[in-house]
């Protein structure tokens, strides 16, 4: 180690090399990747920040859908595109995956609706004809605000009403759906004012609940007293004025429809009906025009005769004015009396009849029906249509009806209203009674007596005595004829002379009674003398009454 060290020390040292420091310069070449990286980062950030939500829409089929081409629009503005279409796991539907723009995120909620817009042809309208050339697309209805969502169930039919459409929704209740369909028109005085949005059964299943939408400005005419009625088909009415044919439009004839109006305009201007107000849907315009009464009384009508032709809904009339209708018809067989009774339950609206004057003593509004029944108020079946044989119930006064009373608290739960037979039933009853009386007549015995009488008459007619009497009568008649001829020959001249003499006597009497005849003058003079004697006699009588003593003393002795 020491030697090595010595050896090293003997070698001369090399001179130190001069080191010159060079300054590094930044090359512009490196700016290109840096700028590219920044731009790329900015684009990535921008893409991420501006990227809209990705949603899935489920449809029953992929009709009109094509990945990468089918657009999603809102008010004809592109807001997205379908990126993928595939079958669902259970193969019962298809799922469309779509990418939307950033602005679409604010109106996506659980209430948002999607549907495919394609050419559609229906009885009420034509829609989507523009898609024949441009292709189908998916339309959007934002709906009301709700919870955010990215998975949606697409509609198979376009919605009738979309968000933002001015107008109001209303609820209609009816017993039957009839020909009502979704999209059916709503008319106000034959002007199309809205559409049927939906319909279905009520929760208890007793009625049909329909939801309609009335466009502005017609929604302001829907008031609290407005009435809706079915305008489907044609209403044909035959009355004293002739034949009336009513329909809202050709569309309503084919697909049905609903009309509304304020029927009772005399009740004053009601307020506008608020959103989702409920109304009754009447089956026809005539039914809608009928006045609605609050009081309804039920009665049971017991009929003995056949009710063929009477059905629930048949009218109950009082002298031609409908005051109710038949609700139900039953049949009962009384085993003890071996008789058939047919209870007919009727609903009557007493407010349809007005009463004038004061009620009789002791009679109240509650006992008025009992009073009228005692006076002969009865129910009777009558024929309403000779062609169809339909019957209705007529209530009227029958003063000669059998005494009856209104039975309350009966076994039917309603008061039992007395009935009277129909005119044909009365004729049949009287005919039956007549036949029964005829059966009691001893016709056989009368026939035997009549036969014996005819035999006796025959014997008398053929007897010799009768022939002899007839011959004698013939001879007597001939003698009478001869006598009459002789009388005419002898008495006629004498009668003629007597009549001539009477005529001359009458002429002489007429001459004697003439005004200028001597007899007339003499009679007049005699009458004058009689008149003078009568006056003298009257004077004498008056004098004697005043001076009765003159009969003894004489007139000259008066002093």
Protein backbone atom coordinates (compact mmCIF):
# COMPACT_ATOMS: atom_id res chain seq x y z
CA UNK A 1 0.00 0.00 0.00
CA UNK A 2 2.84 2.36 0.79
CA UNK A 3 4.61 1.53 -2.44
CA UNK A 4 1.64 2.18 -4.40
CA UNK A 5 1.27 5.41 -2.74
CA UNK A 6 4.92 6.25 -3.51
CA UNK A 7 4.53 5.30 -7.12
CA UNK A 8 1.57 7.49 -7.47
CA UNK A 9 3.34 10.41 -6.01
CA UNK A 10 6.18 10.19 -8.54
CA UNK A 11 3.85 10.65 -11.57
CA UNK A 12 3.41 14.21 -12.56
CA UNK A 13 -0.20 15.58 -12.26
CA UNK A 14 -2.08 16.38 -15.43
CA UNK A 15 -3.34 19.88 -15.77
CA UNK A 16 -7.00 20.42 -14.87
CA UNK A 17 -9.30 20.72 -17.85
CA UNK A 18 -11.20 23.88 -18.18
CA UNK A 19 -14.94 23.26 -17.93
CA UNK A 20 -17.20 25.74 -19.62
CA UNK A 21 -20.85 25.81 -18.42
CA UNK A 22 -23.46 25.84 -21.19
CA UNK A 23 -27.08 27.34 -20.55
CA UNK A 24 -29.99 25.02 -21.55
CA UNK A 25 -32.69 26.54 -23.83
CA UNK A 26 -36.55 25.45 -23.80
CA UNK A 27 -37.52 24.03 -27.19
CA UNK A 28 -40.82 25.17 -28.79
CA UNK A 29 -41.36 21.63 -29.95
CA UNK A 30 -42.55 20.68 -26.51
CA UNK A 31 -45.41 23.23 -26.64
CA UNK A 32 -47.33 21.17 -29.15
CA UNK A 33 -48.00 18.13 -26.92
CA UNK A 34 -48.60 20.39 -23.94
CA UNK A 35 -51.21 22.44 -25.77
CA UNK A 36 -52.70 19.28 -27.20
CA UNK A 37 -52.93 17.78 -23.74
CA UNK A 38 -54.54 20.91 -22.38
CA UNK A 39 -57.03 21.06 -25.23
CA UNK A 40 -57.77 17.38 -24.82
CA UNK A 41 -58.29 17.81 -21.13
CA UNK A 42 -60.48 20.80 -21.70
CA UNK A 43 -62.55 18.86 -24.25
CA UNK A 44 -62.85 15.94 -21.86
CA UNK A 45 -63.95 18.23 -19.05
CA UNK A 46 -66.34 20.06 -21.34
CA UNK A 47 -67.74 16.80 -22.66
CA UNK A 48 -68.20 15.53 -19.15
CA UNK A 49 -69.77 18.74 -17.91
CA UNK A 50 -72.03 19.19 -20.93
CA UNK A 51 -73.00 15.57 -21.26
CA UNK A 52 -76.68 15.05 -20.65
CA UNK A 53 -78.26 12.19 -18.77
CA UNK A 54 -78.51 8.70 -20.21
CA UNK A 55 -82.02 7.25 -19.89
CA UNK A 56 -83.82 4.03 -20.77
CA UNK A 57 -87.32 3.90 -22.21
CA UNK A 58 -89.33 0.69 -22.30
CA UNK A 59 -91.77 -0.03 -25.15
CA UNK A 60 -93.78 -3.07 -26.13
CA UNK A 61 -92.12 -3.16 -29.55
CA UNK A 62 -89.34 -1.41 -31.46
CA UNK A 63 -91.63 -0.28 -34.26
CA UNK A 64 -90.10 2.93 -35.70
CA UNK A 65 -87.01 2.80 -33.42
CA UNK A 66 -83.48 2.61 -34.89
CA UNK A 67 -80.25 2.93 -32.93
CA UNK A 68 -78.23 6.01 -33.85
CA UNK A 69 -81.00 7.49 -36.01
CA UNK A 70 -84.19 7.84 -33.99
CA UNK A 71 -84.21 11.27 -32.38
CA UNK A 72 -85.88 12.49 -29.23
CA UNK A 73 -87.65 15.81 -29.59
CA UNK A 74 -89.43 18.29 -27.41
CA UNK A 75 -91.59 20.80 -29.26
CA UNK A 76 -89.83 19.78 -32.49
CA UNK A 77 -86.36 20.58 -30.98
CA UNK A 78 -83.79 17.75 -30.91
CA UNK A 79 -82.81 16.95 -27.32
CA UNK A 80 -81.33 13.49 -27.74
CA UNK A 81 -80.87 10.38 -29.81
CA UNK A 82 -81.46 6.67 -29.31
CA UNK A 83 -78.09 4.94 -28.98
CA UNK A 84 -79.13 1.37 -28.41
CA UNK A 85 -82.23 -0.82 -28.73
CA UNK A 86 -82.32 -4.31 -27.21
CA UNK A 87 -84.81 -6.85 -25.94
CA UNK A 88 -85.79 -7.02 -22.31
CA UNK A 89 -84.80 -9.94 -20.12
CA UNK A 90 -88.25 -11.54 -20.26
CA UNK A 91 -88.59 -10.88 -24.01
CA UNK A 92 -91.91 -9.12 -23.41
CA UNK A 93 -90.65 -5.65 -24.25
CA UNK A 94 -87.80 -3.67 -25.76
CA UNK A 95 -85.52 -1.18 -24.05
CA UNK A 96 -84.27 1.92 -25.84
CA UNK A 97 -81.14 3.53 -24.39
CA UNK A 98 -80.94 7.22 -25.24
CA UNK A 99 -78.50 10.05 -24.67
CA UNK A 100 -80.03 13.45 -23.93
CA UNK A 101 -78.61 16.93 -23.90
CA UNK A 102 -77.67 18.65 -20.67
CA UNK A 103 -80.69 20.97 -20.79
CA UNK A 104 -83.04 17.98 -20.71
CA UNK A 105 -81.94 17.01 -17.23
CA UNK A 106 -84.03 19.70 -15.54
CA UNK A 107 -87.40 18.38 -16.69
CA UNK A 108 -86.76 14.66 -16.30
CA UNK A 109 -88.85 13.30 -13.46
CA UNK A 110 -91.08 10.38 -12.61
CA UNK A 111 -93.96 12.24 -14.33
CA UNK A 112 -92.17 12.63 -17.68
CA UNK A 113 -93.81 10.74 -20.53
CA UNK A 114 -92.29 9.42 -23.78
CA UNK A 115 -94.05 8.04 -26.84
CA UNK A 116 -93.19 7.23 -30.45
CA UNK A 117 -94.58 9.64 -33.02
CA UNK A 118 -95.51 7.81 -36.19
CA UNK A 119 -98.25 8.08 -38.78
CA UNK A 120 -101.56 7.15 -37.16
CA UNK A 121 -104.99 6.92 -38.73
CA UNK A 122 -108.12 6.75 -36.57
CA UNK A 123 -111.79 7.45 -36.97
CA UNK A 124 -111.47 10.75 -35.11
CA UNK A 125 -108.23 12.20 -36.50
CA UNK A 126 -105.05 11.77 -38.59
CA UNK A 127 -101.70 12.41 -36.88
CA UNK A 128 -97.98 12.04 -37.52
CA UNK A 129 -98.21 12.18 -41.30
CA UNK A 130 -94.89 14.10 -41.45
CA UNK A 131 -93.03 11.02 -40.17
CA UNK A 132 -93.80 9.19 -43.43
CA UNK A 133 -90.85 11.06 -44.99
CA UNK A 134 -88.72 12.09 -42.00
CA UNK A 135 -89.06 8.90 -40.00
CA UNK A 136 -90.46 8.20 -36.56
CA UNK A 137 -89.14 9.99 -33.48
CA UNK A 138 -89.77 9.99 -29.73
CA UNK A 139 -91.68 12.91 -28.29
CA UNK A 140 -91.57 14.10 -24.69
CA UNK A 141 -94.04 15.56 -22.25
CA UNK A 142 -92.21 16.88 -19.14
CA UNK A 143 -95.27 16.57 -16.92
CA UNK A 144 -95.49 17.94 -13.41
CA UNK A 145 -92.44 18.25 -11.19
CA UNK A 146 -91.53 15.10 -9.34
CA UNK A 147 -88.65 12.91 -8.20
CA UNK A 148 -85.71 12.60 -10.64
CA UNK A 149 -85.74 9.45 -12.76
CA UNK A 150 -83.75 7.86 -15.59
CA UNK A 151 -85.93 4.82 -16.42
CA UNK A 152 -89.29 5.36 -18.03
CA UNK A 153 -92.22 3.35 -19.39
CA UNK A 154 -93.08 4.58 -22.86
CA UNK A 155 -96.67 5.21 -23.93
CA UNK A 156 -98.09 3.11 -26.73
CA UNK A 157 -100.51 5.89 -27.73
CA UNK A 158 -99.83 9.62 -27.77
CA UNK A 159 -101.37 11.45 -24.80
CA UNK A 160 -104.45 13.49 -25.52
CA UNK A 161 -103.35 16.40 -23.34
CA UNK A 162 -99.81 17.50 -22.77
CA UNK A 163 -98.30 19.76 -20.11
CA UNK A 164 -98.87 23.46 -20.69
CA UNK A 165 -102.00 23.08 -22.82
CA UNK A 166 -104.49 25.72 -21.56
CA UNK A 167 -107.76 24.32 -20.27
CA UNK A 168 -109.14 22.22 -17.42
CA UNK A 169 -109.71 18.58 -16.56
CA UNK A 170 -113.12 17.34 -15.38
CA UNK A 171 -114.46 14.02 -14.12
CA UNK A 172 -117.65 12.44 -15.52
CA UNK A 173 -119.56 9.57 -13.91
CA UNK A 174 -122.01 7.33 -15.76
CA UNK A 175 -123.64 3.92 -15.41
CA UNK A 176 -122.35 2.63 -18.76
CA UNK A 177 -119.43 3.45 -21.06
CA UNK A 178 -121.49 3.22 -24.23
CA UNK A 179 -119.43 4.06 -27.31
CA UNK A 180 -117.01 6.31 -25.43
CA UNK A 181 -113.37 6.01 -26.49
CA UNK A 182 -110.14 7.77 -25.54
CA UNK A 183 -109.78 10.76 -27.81
CA UNK A 184 -113.52 11.05 -28.39
CA UNK A 185 -114.47 14.70 -28.98
CA UNK A 186 -116.13 17.03 -26.48
CA UNK A 187 -118.60 19.53 -27.98
CA UNK A 188 -119.97 22.83 -26.76
CA UNK A 189 -122.89 23.90 -28.93
CA UNK A 190 -121.56 21.75 -31.78
CA UNK A 191 -118.06 23.28 -31.54
CA UNK A 192 -115.26 20.88 -30.68
CA UNK A 193 -113.99 21.98 -27.28
CA UNK A 194 -111.95 19.06 -25.91
CA UNK A 195 -111.30 15.33 -25.79
CA UNK A 196 -111.77 12.30 -23.57
CA UNK A 197 -108.46 11.65 -21.79
CA UNK A 198 -109.15 8.38 -19.97
CA UNK A 199 -111.91 6.19 -18.56
CA UNK A 200 -112.21 3.24 -16.21
CA UNK A 201 -114.27 1.58 -13.49
CA UNK A 202 -114.74 3.19 -10.12
CA UNK A 203 -113.16 1.54 -7.09
CA UNK A 204 -116.44 -0.15 -6.10
CA UNK A 205 -117.16 -1.14 -9.72
CA UNK A 206 -120.61 0.46 -9.78
CA UNK A 207 -119.99 3.16 -12.38
CA UNK A 208 -117.74 4.35 -15.18
CA UNK A 209 -115.44 7.26 -14.36
CA UNK A 210 -114.21 9.25 -17.37
CA UNK A 211 -111.64 12.02 -17.37
CA UNK A 212 -111.98 14.74 -19.98
CA UNK A 213 -110.07 17.85 -20.91
CA UNK A 214 -111.80 21.02 -22.12
CA UNK A 215 -109.58 23.41 -24.02
CA UNK A 216 -109.43 27.12 -23.39
CA UNK A 217 -111.46 29.28 -23.79
CA UNK A 218 -114.33 26.78 -23.65
CA UNK A 219 -113.44 25.63 -20.13
CA UNK A 220 -114.90 28.89 -18.77
CA UNK A 221 -118.36 27.75 -19.93
CA UNK A 222 -118.22 24.70 -17.66
CA UNK A 223 -120.03 25.87 -14.55
CA UNK A 224 -121.33 24.21 -11.43
CA UNK A 225 -124.78 23.71 -13.01
CA UNK A 226 -123.48 22.54 -16.40
CA UNK A 227 -124.70 19.18 -17.66
CA UNK A 228 -122.88 16.67 -19.84
CA UNK A 229 -124.59 14.08 -22.04
CA UNK A 230 -123.57 11.41 -24.50
CA UNK A 231 -123.64 12.74 -28.07
CA UNK A 232 -122.94 9.40 -29.73
CA UNK A 233 -124.91 8.44 -32.82
CA UNK A 234 -128.14 10.13 -33.85
CA UNK A 235 -131.08 11.20 -31.68
CA UNK A 236 -134.36 10.67 -33.54
CA UNK A 237 -137.49 12.10 -31.91
CA UNK A 238 -141.08 11.96 -33.15
CA UNK A 239 -143.57 14.31 -31.50
CA UNK A 240 -146.46 16.63 -32.31
CA UNK A 241 -144.13 19.02 -34.13
CA UNK A 242 -142.83 16.32 -36.44
CA UNK A 243 -139.61 14.35 -36.74
CA UNK A 244 -136.48 15.81 -35.13
CA UNK A 245 -132.99 14.51 -35.98
CA UNK A 246 -130.10 15.66 -33.76
CA UNK A 247 -126.36 14.94 -33.94
CA UNK A 248 -123.23 16.84 -32.97
CA UNK A 249 -121.04 15.87 -35.93
CA UNK A 250 -120.16 13.04 -38.31
CA UNK A 251 -117.24 12.10 -36.05
CA UNK A 252 -119.53 11.66 -33.05
CA UNK A 253 -121.71 9.32 -35.10
CA UNK A 254 -118.72 7.06 -35.82
CA UNK A 255 -116.65 7.18 -32.62
CA UNK A 256 -119.00 8.76 -30.10
CA UNK A 257 -118.64 11.97 -28.20
CA UNK A 258 -119.82 14.13 -25.31
CA UNK A 259 -121.62 17.47 -25.35
CA UNK A 260 -122.16 19.96 -22.56
CA UNK A 261 -124.18 23.08 -21.93
CA UNK A 262 -125.93 24.97 -19.16
CA UNK A 263 -129.51 23.68 -19.34
CA UNK A 264 -131.12 25.60 -16.47
CA UNK A 265 -130.23 29.16 -17.43
CA UNK A 266 -132.95 30.60 -15.14
CA UNK A 267 -131.06 29.62 -12.00
CA UNK A 268 -128.57 32.44 -12.52
CA UNK A 269 -124.96 32.60 -13.63
CA UNK A 270 -123.04 30.03 -11.65
CA UNK A 271 -119.33 30.19 -10.95
CA UNK A 272 -116.85 28.40 -13.17
CA UNK A 273 -116.23 24.79 -12.19
CA UNK A 274 -112.72 24.28 -10.73
CA UNK A 275 -110.17 21.72 -11.94
CA UNK A 276 -111.19 18.04 -11.58
CA UNK A 277 -114.82 18.88 -10.75
CA UNK A 278 -117.14 15.86 -10.95
CA UNK A 279 -120.29 15.83 -13.09
CA UNK A 280 -122.90 13.26 -14.03
CA UNK A 281 -122.88 12.04 -17.65
CA UNK A 282 -126.48 11.73 -18.89
CA UNK A 283 -127.31 9.13 -21.55
CA UNK A 284 -128.97 11.63 -23.92
CA UNK A 285 -129.81 15.27 -24.44
CA UNK A 286 -133.42 14.67 -23.42
CA UNK A 287 -132.30 13.10 -20.15
CA UNK A 288 -129.97 16.02 -19.50
CA UNK A 289 -132.79 18.53 -19.97
CA UNK A 290 -134.96 16.91 -17.32
CA UNK A 291 -135.14 18.71 -14.03
CA UNK A 292 -133.46 16.99 -11.08
CA UNK A 293 -135.47 16.75 -7.86
CA UNK A 294 -134.05 16.10 -4.43
CA UNK A 295 -136.99 14.17 -2.91
CA UNK A 296 -137.68 10.61 -4.06
CA UNK A 297 -140.35 8.38 -2.49
CA UNK A 298 -140.50 4.63 -3.11
CA UNK A 299 -143.72 2.63 -3.30
CA UNK A 300 -144.64 -1.01 -3.92
CA UNK A 301 -147.41 -1.62 -6.46
CA UNK A 302 -149.04 -5.06 -6.22
CA UNK A 303 -150.51 -6.22 -9.54
CA UNK A 304 -152.57 -9.37 -10.11
CA UNK A 305 -152.45 -9.31 -13.91
CA UNK A 306 -149.53 -9.97 -16.24
CA UNK A 307 -146.85 -7.29 -16.46
CA UNK A 308 -145.47 -8.45 -19.80
CA UNK A 309 -144.02 -5.35 -21.47
CA UNK A 310 -143.17 -3.60 -18.19
CA UNK A 311 -139.45 -3.24 -17.52
CA UNK A 312 -137.23 -1.38 -15.05
CA UNK A 313 -136.93 2.21 -16.23
CA UNK A 314 -140.53 2.34 -17.47
CA UNK A 315 -142.13 5.72 -16.67
CA UNK A 316 -144.62 6.37 -13.91
CA UNK A 317 -147.01 9.07 -15.12
CA UNK A 318 -149.77 11.19 -13.67
CA UNK A 319 -152.14 12.19 -16.49
CA UNK A 320 -149.37 12.17 -19.07
CA UNK A 321 -146.66 13.83 -16.94
CA UNK A 322 -143.81 11.62 -15.82
CA UNK A 323 -143.34 11.74 -12.07
CA UNK A 324 -141.09 8.71 -11.58
CA UNK A 325 -139.95 5.40 -12.96
CA UNK A 326 -140.04 1.67 -12.27
CA UNK A 327 -137.02 0.46 -10.27
CA UNK A 328 -137.56 -3.28 -9.90
CA UNK A 329 -140.09 -6.02 -10.71
CA UNK A 330 -140.53 -9.19 -8.67
CA UNK A 331 -142.89 -12.17 -8.63
CA UNK A 332 -144.47 -13.91 -5.63
CA UNK A 333 -146.67 -16.99 -5.37
CA UNK A 334 -148.92 -17.23 -2.33
CA UNK A 335 -149.19 -20.94 -1.49
CA UNK A 336 -151.97 -20.43 1.04
CA UNK A 337 -154.31 -18.49 -1.26
CA UNK A 338 -152.97 -20.02 -4.49
CA UNK A 339 -152.54 -16.57 -6.03
CA UNK A 340 -149.73 -14.76 -7.80
CA UNK A 341 -148.70 -11.26 -6.81
CA UNK A 342 -146.24 -9.14 -8.79
CA UNK A 343 -144.65 -6.42 -6.63
CA UNK A 344 -143.41 -3.51 -8.71
CA UNK A 345 -141.12 -1.06 -6.93
CA UNK A 346 -141.47 2.50 -8.24
CA UNK A 347 -139.54 5.67 -7.40
CA UNK A 348 -141.71 8.80 -7.46
CA UNK A 349 -140.62 12.43 -7.29
CA UNK A 350 -143.47 14.22 -5.49
CA UNK A 351 -142.01 17.66 -6.20
CA UNK A 352 -143.14 17.31 -9.82
CA UNK A 353 -146.75 17.87 -8.64
CA UNK A 354 -147.79 21.23 -7.20
CA UNK A 355 -150.76 21.57 -4.85
CA UNK A 356 -152.92 24.68 -4.76
CA UNK A 357 -155.01 25.74 -1.79
CA UNK A 358 -155.12 24.67 1.84
CA UNK A 359 -154.97 21.09 2.95
CA UNK A 360 -158.19 19.62 4.35
CA UNK A 361 -158.60 19.55 8.10
CA UNK A 362 -156.39 16.99 9.81
CA UNK A 363 -154.34 16.31 6.64
CA UNK A 364 -150.61 17.05 6.62
CA UNK A 365 -147.97 16.79 3.90
CA UNK A 366 -146.96 13.42 5.34
CA UNK A 367 -150.52 12.00 5.23
CA UNK A 368 -151.55 13.65 1.95
CA UNK A 369 -150.99 10.45 -0.05
CA UNK A 370 -153.17 8.51 2.40
CA UNK A 371 -155.91 11.10 1.94
CA UNK A 372 -155.72 10.91 -1.86
CA UNK A 373 -155.77 7.09 -1.79
CA UNK A 374 -158.97 7.25 0.23
CA UNK A 375 -160.39 9.53 -2.50
CA UNK A 376 -159.60 6.99 -5.24
CA UNK A 377 -155.94 7.52 -6.18
CA UNK A 378 -154.79 4.28 -7.78
CA UNK A 379 -152.01 2.87 -9.98
CA UNK A 380 -152.84 1.12 -13.25
CA UNK A 381 -150.91 -0.56 -16.05
CA UNK A 382 -151.39 0.99 -19.47
CA UNK A 383 -149.99 0.37 -22.94
CA UNK A 384 -147.42 2.93 -23.99
CA UNK A 385 -146.63 1.56 -27.45
CA UNK A 386 -148.99 -0.61 -29.48
CA UNK A 387 -146.19 -1.81 -31.77
CA UNK A 388 -143.77 -2.98 -29.08
CA UNK A 389 -146.33 -3.72 -26.36
CA UNK A 390 -144.40 -1.69 -23.79
CA UNK A 391 -146.30 -0.82 -20.61
CA UNK A 392 -146.06 2.05 -18.17
CA UNK A 393 -147.63 2.82 -14.79
CA UNK A 394 -150.36 5.44 -14.74
CA UNK A 395 -151.47 7.05 -11.47
CA UNK A 396 -154.86 8.72 -11.52
CA UNK A 397 -158.04 9.29 -9.53
CA UNK A 398 -160.76 6.63 -9.84
CA UNK A 399 -163.77 7.75 -7.78
CA UNK A 400 -165.57 4.43 -8.35
CA UNK A 401 -162.60 2.29 -7.33
CA UNK A 402 -162.96 -0.21 -4.52
CA UNK A 403 -162.08 1.20 -1.09
CA UNK A 404 -158.42 0.77 -0.22
CA UNK A 405 -155.75 2.33 1.96
CA UNK A 406 -152.03 2.95 1.79
CA UNK A 407 -150.28 0.19 3.75
CA UNK A 408 -147.25 1.51 5.58
CA UNK A 409 -144.57 -0.52 7.36
CA UNK A 410 -145.33 -3.53 5.20
CA UNK A 411 -143.10 -6.52 4.58
CA UNK A 412 -141.60 -4.96 1.44
CA UNK A 413 -139.95 -2.09 3.29
CA UNK A 414 -141.90 0.50 1.28
CA UNK A 415 -145.53 1.69 1.48
CA UNK A 416 -147.90 -0.53 -0.53
CA UNK A 417 -149.79 1.60 -3.03
CA UNK A 418 -153.19 0.20 -4.15
CA UNK A 419 -153.75 -0.66 -7.81
CA UNK A 420 -156.76 -1.03 -10.07
CA UNK A 421 -157.20 -3.46 -12.99
CA UNK A 422 -156.67 -2.30 -16.55
CA UNK A 423 -159.73 -1.65 -18.73
CA UNK A 424 -159.14 -4.92 -20.58
CA UNK A 425 -158.82 -6.71 -17.27
CA UNK A 426 -162.12 -5.20 -16.12
CA UNK A 427 -163.79 -6.26 -19.37
CA UNK A 428 -162.38 -9.74 -18.94
CA UNK A 429 -163.58 -9.87 -15.34
CA UNK A 430 -167.06 -8.74 -16.31
CA UNK A 431 -167.12 -11.24 -19.15
CA UNK A 432 -166.16 -13.97 -16.70
CA UNK A 433 -168.95 -12.92 -14.36
CA UNK A 434 -171.39 -12.90 -17.28
CA UNK A 435 -170.33 -16.38 -18.32
CA UNK A 436 -170.77 -17.57 -14.73
CA UNK A 437 -174.29 -16.16 -14.66
CA UNK A 438 -175.07 -17.74 -18.02
CA UNK A 439 -173.84 -21.08 -16.68
CA UNK A 440 -176.46 -20.83 -13.92
CA UNK A 441 -179.32 -20.47 -16.44
CA UNK A 442 -181.14 -23.84 -17.03
CA UNK A 443 -180.65 -23.69 -20.77
CA UNK A 444 -181.42 -27.39 -21.23
CA UNK A 445 -184.74 -27.12 -19.43
CA UNK A 446 -185.61 -23.95 -21.37
CA UNK A 447 -184.78 -25.79 -24.57
CA UNK A 448 -187.04 -28.69 -23.63
CA UNK A 449 -189.91 -26.33 -22.78
CA UNK A 450 -189.38 -24.44 -26.01
CA UNK A 451 -189.39 -27.68 -27.96
CA UNK A 452 -192.66 -28.76 -26.33
CA UNK A 453 -194.14 -25.32 -27.05
CA UNK A 454 -193.17 -25.55 -30.70
CA UNK A 455 -194.71 -29.01 -30.92
CA UNK A 456 -197.94 -27.67 -29.45
CA UNK A 457 -197.94 -24.79 -31.92
CA UNK A 458 -197.37 -27.26 -34.73
CA UNK A 459 -200.29 -29.37 -33.59
CA UNK A 460 -202.56 -26.33 -33.44
CA UNK A 461 -201.39 -25.09 -36.83
CA UNK A 462 -202.16 -28.45 -38.41
CA UNK A 463 -205.48 -29.02 -36.60
CA UNK A 464 -208.79 -29.05 -38.66
CA UNK A 465 -210.39 -26.61 -36.26
CA UNK A 466 -207.77 -23.96 -37.12
CA UNK A 467 -208.34 -24.52 -40.84
CA UNK A 468 -212.09 -24.13 -40.35
CA UNK A 469 -211.57 -20.95 -38.31
CA UNK A 470 -209.39 -19.51 -41.03
CA UNK A 471 -212.06 -20.21 -43.64
CA UNK A 472 -214.71 -18.56 -41.46
CA UNK A 473 -212.45 -15.56 -40.91
CA UNK A 474 -211.95 -15.27 -44.67
CA UNK A 475 -215.70 -15.23 -45.26
CA UNK A 476 -216.19 -12.57 -42.55
CA UNK A 477 -213.54 -10.38 -44.14
CA UNK A 478 -215.30 -10.60 -47.49
CA UNK A 479 -218.60 -9.58 -45.90
CA UNK A 480 -216.92 -6.60 -44.24
CA UNK A 481 -215.47 -5.52 -47.57
CA UNK A 482 -218.94 -5.69 -49.21
CA UNK A 483 -220.48 -3.68 -46.36
CA UNK A 484 -217.80 -1.01 -46.67
CA UNK A 485 -218.46 -0.71 -50.40
CA UNK A 486 -222.18 -0.32 -49.83
CA UNK A 487 -221.60 2.35 -47.19
CA UNK A 488 -219.39 4.32 -49.54
CA UNK A 489 -222.04 4.17 -52.25
CA UNK A 490 -224.94 5.38 -50.00
CA UNK A 491 -223.44 7.81 -47.52
CA UNK A 492 -221.04 9.73 -49.76
CA UNK A 493 -223.79 11.88 -51.50
CA UNK A 494 -225.42 12.68 -48.17
CA UNK A 495 -222.16 13.69 -46.61
CA UNK A 496 -221.42 15.93 -49.60
CA UNK A 497 -224.82 17.69 -49.29
CA UNK A 498 -224.30 18.19 -45.55
CA UNK A 499 -220.94 19.78 -46.12
CA UNK A 500 -222.39 22.16 -48.73
CA UNK A 501 -225.17 23.21 -46.32
CA UNK A 502 -222.60 23.85 -43.56
CA UNK A 503 -220.59 25.96 -45.97
CA UNK A 504 -223.62 28.13 -46.78
CA UNK A 505 -224.42 28.55 -43.07
CA UNK A 506 -220.90 29.71 -42.37
CA UNK A 507 -221.10 32.21 -45.23
CA UNK A 508 -224.38 33.62 -43.83
CA UNK A 509 -222.86 33.90 -40.36
CA UNK A 510 -219.89 35.72 -41.82
CA UNK A 511 -222.21 38.19 -43.54
CA UNK A 512 -224.18 38.77 -40.36
CA UNK A 513 -221.03 39.51 -38.38
CA UNK A 514 -219.64 42.04 -40.90
CA UNK A 515 -219.03 45.59 -39.63
CA UNK A 516 -221.63 47.21 -41.91
CA UNK A 517 -224.36 44.57 -41.52
CA UNK A 518 -227.78 45.42 -39.85
CA UNK A 519 -227.26 42.61 -37.39
CA UNK A 520 -223.97 44.13 -36.33
CA UNK A 521 -225.70 47.53 -35.79
CA UNK A 522 -228.50 45.99 -33.75
CA UNK A 523 -226.08 44.06 -31.61
CA UNK A 524 -224.12 47.22 -30.94
CA UNK A 525 -227.27 49.15 -29.94
CA UNK A 526 -228.32 46.35 -27.62
CA UNK A 527 -224.91 46.37 -26.03
CA UNK A 528 -225.14 50.15 -25.52
CA UNK A 529 -228.50 49.77 -23.81
CA UNK A 530 -227.15 47.02 -21.62
CA UNK A 531 -224.18 49.23 -20.75
CA UNK A 532 -226.51 52.12 -19.79
CA UNK A 533 -228.65 49.85 -17.66
CA UNK A 534 -225.56 48.62 -15.93
CA UNK A 535 -224.49 52.19 -15.13
CA UNK A 536 -227.93 53.05 -13.76
CA UNK A 537 -227.89 49.91 -11.67
CA UNK A 538 -224.45 50.83 -10.32
CA UNK A 539 -225.70 54.34 -9.38
CA UNK A 540 -228.70 52.87 -7.69
CA UNK A 541 -226.60 50.48 -5.77
CA UNK A 542 -224.27 53.23 -4.60
CA UNK A 543 -227.22 55.36 -3.51
CA UNK A 544 -228.82 52.52 -1.58
CA UNK A 545 -225.53 51.85 0.12
CA UNK A 546 -225.39 55.49 1.19
CA UNK A 547 -229.21 55.80 1.98
CA UNK A 548 -230.64 52.41 2.80
CA UNK A 549 -233.67 54.07 4.50
CA UNK A 550 -234.87 55.24 1.10
CA UNK A 551 -236.28 51.75 0.49
CA UNK A 552 -238.90 52.56 3.22
CA UNK A 553 -239.35 56.32 2.95
CA UNK A 554 -238.63 56.94 -0.69
CA UNK A 555 -236.24 59.40 -2.27
CA UNK A 556 -238.61 62.38 -1.96
CA UNK A 557 -238.85 62.21 1.87
CA UNK A 558 -235.19 63.11 2.29
CA UNK A 559 -234.69 66.42 4.04
